Amino acid sequence: MMTMDKEKLPYATIEYIAKRFRKEFLFELKERKKEKGHWVYVVEVTQDDFVHTLHFDEKGVLLKEEADPAFPADAHDGPAPEVVPD
């Protein structure tokens, strides 16, 4: 599932997202900014409990990708499973 005003993104960006995240996902244009005289598009894609932040240039080329848990551990939840003492 895609949500987004597709008119605001370069076509190659939409193609990349559709191929990279083949199953159901949501995406949103978070920011469009000028860097060194060129447009950069920051897109958030949510899939499988992760939020992927993708940076594309004005031609739709991926410049940078980061992924973070959609639901990060909370200090009130106790220690993460990998740090539980024996």
N, C-alpha and C. Protein backbone atom coordinates (compact mmCIF):
# COMPACT_ATOMS: atom_id res chain seq x y z
N MET A 1 0.84 -1.17 0.00
CA MET A 1 0.00 0.00 0.00
C MET A 1 0.89 1.23 0.00
N MET A 2 0.65 2.14 -0.90
CA MET A 2 1.45 3.36 -0.97
C MET A 2 0.54 4.54 -0.67
N THR A 3 1.03 5.46 0.13
CA THR A 3 0.31 6.70 0.36
C THR A 3 1.27 7.84 0.11
N MET A 4 0.82 8.81 -0.71
CA MET A 4 1.75 9.89 -1.04
C MET A 4 1.21 10.64 -2.23
N ASP A 5 1.51 11.89 -2.34
CA ASP A 5 1.19 12.64 -3.54
C ASP A 5 2.33 12.40 -4.53
N LYS A 6 2.11 11.50 -5.45
CA LYS A 6 3.15 11.08 -6.39
C LYS A 6 3.62 12.21 -7.30
N GLU A 7 2.82 13.25 -7.41
CA GLU A 7 3.19 14.37 -8.29
C GLU A 7 4.41 15.12 -7.77
N LYS A 8 4.77 14.95 -6.52
CA LYS A 8 5.86 15.71 -5.94
C LYS A 8 7.21 15.00 -6.01
N LEU A 9 7.22 13.72 -6.39
CA LEU A 9 8.47 12.95 -6.43
C LEU A 9 8.87 12.64 -7.86
N PRO A 10 10.17 12.58 -8.14
CA PRO A 10 10.61 12.12 -9.46
C PRO A 10 10.14 10.68 -9.68
N TYR A 11 9.77 10.36 -10.90
CA TYR A 11 9.25 9.04 -11.23
C TYR A 11 10.23 7.94 -10.83
N ALA A 12 11.52 8.14 -11.05
CA ALA A 12 12.53 7.11 -10.71
C ALA A 12 12.54 6.81 -9.21
N THR A 13 12.20 7.80 -8.38
CA THR A 13 12.12 7.59 -6.94
C THR A 13 10.97 6.64 -6.61
N ILE A 14 9.83 6.87 -7.21
CA ILE A 14 8.67 6.01 -6.98
C ILE A 14 8.96 4.60 -7.46
N GLU A 15 9.61 4.46 -8.61
CA GLU A 15 9.98 3.14 -9.12
C GLU A 15 10.92 2.42 -8.15
N TYR A 16 11.92 3.12 -7.64
CA TYR A 16 12.87 2.52 -6.71
C TYR A 16 12.15 2.00 -5.47
N ILE A 17 11.28 2.81 -4.90
CA ILE A 17 10.56 2.42 -3.69
C ILE A 17 9.68 1.20 -3.96
N ALA A 18 8.98 1.18 -5.07
CA ALA A 18 8.11 0.05 -5.40
C ALA A 18 8.90 -1.24 -5.58
N LYS A 19 10.08 -1.17 -6.18
CA LYS A 19 10.91 -2.37 -6.38
C LYS A 19 11.57 -2.81 -5.07
N ARG A 20 12.07 -1.87 -4.30
CA ARG A 20 12.81 -2.17 -3.06
C ARG A 20 11.90 -2.72 -1.98
N PHE A 21 10.68 -2.19 -1.89
CA PHE A 21 9.73 -2.60 -0.86
C PHE A 21 8.53 -3.25 -1.54
N ARG A 22 8.72 -4.44 -2.04
CA ARG A 22 7.72 -5.11 -2.88
C ARG A 22 6.42 -5.43 -2.15
N LYS A 23 6.50 -5.76 -0.87
CA LYS A 23 5.28 -6.07 -0.12
C LYS A 23 4.60 -4.77 0.29
N GLU A 24 3.56 -4.91 1.11
CA GLU A 24 2.83 -3.72 1.56
C GLU A 24 3.73 -2.78 2.36
N PHE A 25 3.57 -1.50 2.10
CA PHE A 25 4.35 -0.48 2.79
C PHE A 25 3.63 0.85 2.67
N LEU A 26 4.02 1.78 3.49
CA LEU A 26 3.53 3.16 3.43
C LEU A 26 4.72 4.06 3.19
N PHE A 27 4.54 5.11 2.41
CA PHE A 27 5.63 6.06 2.29
C PHE A 27 5.09 7.47 2.22
N GLU A 28 5.95 8.38 2.65
CA GLU A 28 5.57 9.78 2.74
C GLU A 28 6.77 10.66 2.44
N LEU A 29 6.55 11.69 1.65
CA LEU A 29 7.58 12.69 1.40
C LEU A 29 7.68 13.56 2.64
N LYS A 30 8.80 13.49 3.35
CA LYS A 30 8.98 14.24 4.58
C LYS A 30 9.57 15.62 4.33
N GLU A 31 10.41 15.72 3.30
CA GLU A 31 11.09 16.99 3.08
C GLU A 31 11.58 17.06 1.63
N ARG A 32 11.54 18.26 1.10
CA ARG A 32 12.14 18.56 -0.21
C ARG A 32 12.99 19.79 0.02
N LYS A 33 14.30 19.66 -0.21
CA LYS A 33 15.19 20.77 0.12
C LYS A 33 16.26 20.93 -0.95
N LYS A 34 16.82 22.12 -1.02
CA LYS A 34 17.92 22.40 -1.94
C LYS A 34 19.22 22.18 -1.20
N GLU A 35 20.12 21.39 -1.80
CA GLU A 35 21.46 21.19 -1.28
C GLU A 35 22.43 21.40 -2.42
N LYS A 36 23.31 22.35 -2.25
CA LYS A 36 24.32 22.67 -3.27
C LYS A 36 23.67 22.89 -4.65
N GLY A 37 22.53 23.58 -4.64
CA GLY A 37 21.86 23.93 -5.89
C GLY A 37 21.02 22.82 -6.51
N HIS A 38 20.89 21.68 -5.83
CA HIS A 38 20.11 20.56 -6.37
C HIS A 38 19.03 20.16 -5.36
N TRP A 39 17.89 19.69 -5.88
CA TRP A 39 16.82 19.23 -5.00
C TRP A 39 17.15 17.87 -4.41
N VAL A 40 16.85 17.71 -3.12
CA VAL A 40 16.97 16.43 -2.42
C VAL A 40 15.60 16.13 -1.82
N TYR A 41 15.15 14.89 -2.00
CA TYR A 41 13.87 14.45 -1.49
C TYR A 41 14.11 13.46 -0.36
N VAL A 42 13.51 13.71 0.81
CA VAL A 42 13.63 12.81 1.95
C VAL A 42 12.29 12.11 2.10
N VAL A 43 12.33 10.78 1.97
CA VAL A 43 11.13 9.96 1.98
C VAL A 43 11.21 8.98 3.14
N GLU A 44 10.12 8.82 3.88
CA GLU A 44 10.04 7.80 4.92
C GLU A 44 9.18 6.66 4.41
N VAL A 45 9.72 5.45 4.51
CA VAL A 45 8.98 4.25 4.13
C VAL A 45 8.85 3.39 5.38
N THR A 46 7.63 2.99 5.70
CA THR A 46 7.38 2.14 6.85
C THR A 46 6.98 0.76 6.36
N GLN A 47 7.74 -0.25 6.83
CA GLN A 47 7.46 -1.63 6.46
C GLN A 47 8.09 -2.55 7.51
N ASP A 48 7.37 -3.60 7.87
CA ASP A 48 7.89 -4.64 8.77
C ASP A 48 8.50 -4.06 10.05
N ASP A 49 7.80 -3.18 10.72
CA ASP A 49 8.23 -2.60 11.99
C ASP A 49 9.49 -1.74 11.90
N PHE A 50 9.84 -1.29 10.71
CA PHE A 50 10.97 -0.39 10.53
C PHE A 50 10.54 0.84 9.75
N VAL A 51 11.19 1.96 10.07
CA VAL A 51 11.00 3.19 9.31
C VAL A 51 12.31 3.43 8.57
N HIS A 52 12.25 3.42 7.25
CA HIS A 52 13.41 3.65 6.41
C HIS A 52 13.37 5.10 5.95
N THR A 53 14.45 5.82 6.17
CA THR A 53 14.56 7.19 5.70
C THR A 53 15.49 7.18 4.50
N LEU A 54 14.94 7.56 3.35
CA LEU A 54 15.67 7.52 2.08
C LEU A 54 15.85 8.93 1.56
N HIS A 55 17.05 9.22 1.08
CA HIS A 55 17.36 10.53 0.49
C HIS A 55 17.63 10.29 -1.00
N PHE A 56 16.90 11.00 -1.86
CA PHE A 56 17.05 10.88 -3.30
C PHE A 56 17.43 12.22 -3.91
N ASP A 57 18.16 12.17 -5.01
CA ASP A 57 18.42 13.42 -5.73
C ASP A 57 17.26 13.69 -6.68
N GLU A 58 17.35 14.77 -7.42
CA GLU A 58 16.24 15.19 -8.29
C GLU A 58 16.03 14.26 -9.48
N LYS A 59 16.98 13.35 -9.74
CA LYS A 59 16.83 12.36 -10.80
C LYS A 59 16.30 11.03 -10.27
N GLY A 60 16.10 10.95 -8.94
CA GLY A 60 15.59 9.73 -8.34
C GLY A 60 16.65 8.74 -7.94
N VAL A 61 17.90 9.19 -7.88
CA VAL A 61 19.01 8.33 -7.47
C VAL A 61 19.10 8.33 -5.94
N LEU A 62 19.20 7.14 -5.34
CA LEU A 62 19.31 7.03 -3.89
C LEU A 62 20.67 7.56 -3.44
N LEU A 63 20.65 8.51 -2.51
CA LEU A 63 21.87 9.09 -1.98
C LEU A 63 22.24 8.50 -0.62
N LYS A 64 21.22 8.18 0.18
CA LYS A 64 21.47 7.73 1.55
C LYS A 64 20.24 6.98 2.05
N GLU A 65 20.48 5.95 2.87
CA GLU A 65 19.38 5.20 3.49
C GLU A 65 19.71 4.90 4.94
N GLU A 66 18.72 5.10 5.81
CA GLU A 66 18.83 4.76 7.22
C GLU A 66 17.58 3.99 7.60
N ALA A 67 17.69 3.07 8.56
CA ALA A 67 16.52 2.32 9.03
C ALA A 67 16.54 2.30 10.55
N ASP A 68 15.39 2.59 11.13
CA ASP A 68 15.23 2.58 12.58
C ASP A 68 13.98 1.79 12.93
N PRO A 69 13.96 1.16 14.11
CA PRO A 69 12.74 0.46 14.52
C PRO A 69 11.57 1.44 14.61
N ALA A 70 10.41 1.01 14.15
CA ALA A 70 9.22 1.85 14.22
C ALA A 70 8.77 2.03 15.66
N PHE A 71 9.06 1.03 16.49
CA PHE A 71 8.67 1.07 17.89
C PHE A 71 9.90 0.79 18.74
N PRO A 72 10.76 1.80 18.94
CA PRO A 72 11.99 1.57 19.71
C PRO A 72 11.69 1.17 21.15
N ALA A 73 12.61 0.43 21.73
CA ALA A 73 12.46 0.00 23.13
C ALA A 73 12.37 1.22 24.03
N ASP A 74 11.57 1.12 25.04
CA ASP A 74 11.36 2.19 26.01
C ASP A 74 12.07 1.80 27.30
N ALA A 75 12.64 2.74 28.00
CA ALA A 75 13.34 2.47 29.26
C ALA A 75 12.42 1.79 30.27
N HIS A 76 11.13 2.02 30.17
CA HIS A 76 10.16 1.41 31.08
C HIS A 76 9.92 -0.06 30.73
N ASP A 77 10.35 -0.49 29.55
CA ASP A 77 10.15 -1.88 29.13
C ASP A 77 11.20 -2.81 29.74
N GLY A 78 12.22 -2.26 30.36
CA GLY A 78 13.29 -3.07 30.90
C GLY A 78 14.40 -3.21 29.88
N PRO A 79 15.45 -3.99 30.21
CA PRO A 79 16.58 -4.11 29.29
C PRO A 79 16.20 -4.87 28.02
N ALA A 80 16.91 -4.55 26.96
CA ALA A 80 16.69 -5.26 25.69
C ALA A 80 17.07 -6.72 25.87
N PRO A 81 16.44 -7.65 25.17
CA PRO A 81 16.71 -9.08 25.35
C PRO A 81 18.18 -9.46 25.24
N GLU A 82 18.95 -8.80 24.39
CA GLU A 82 20.34 -9.18 24.19
C GLU A 82 21.26 -8.78 25.36
N VAL A 83 20.76 -7.98 26.30
CA VAL A 83 21.58 -7.58 27.44
C VAL A 83 21.07 -8.15 28.76
N VAL A 84 20.16 -9.12 28.70
CA VAL A 84 19.66 -9.76 29.92
C VAL A 84 20.75 -10.64 30.50
N PRO A 85 21.07 -10.46 31.80
CA PRO A 85 22.14 -11.29 32.39
C PRO A 85 21.74 -12.76 32.43
N ASP A 86 22.77 -13.64 32.45
CA ASP A 86 22.53 -15.09 32.50
C ASP A 86 21.94 -15.51 33.83
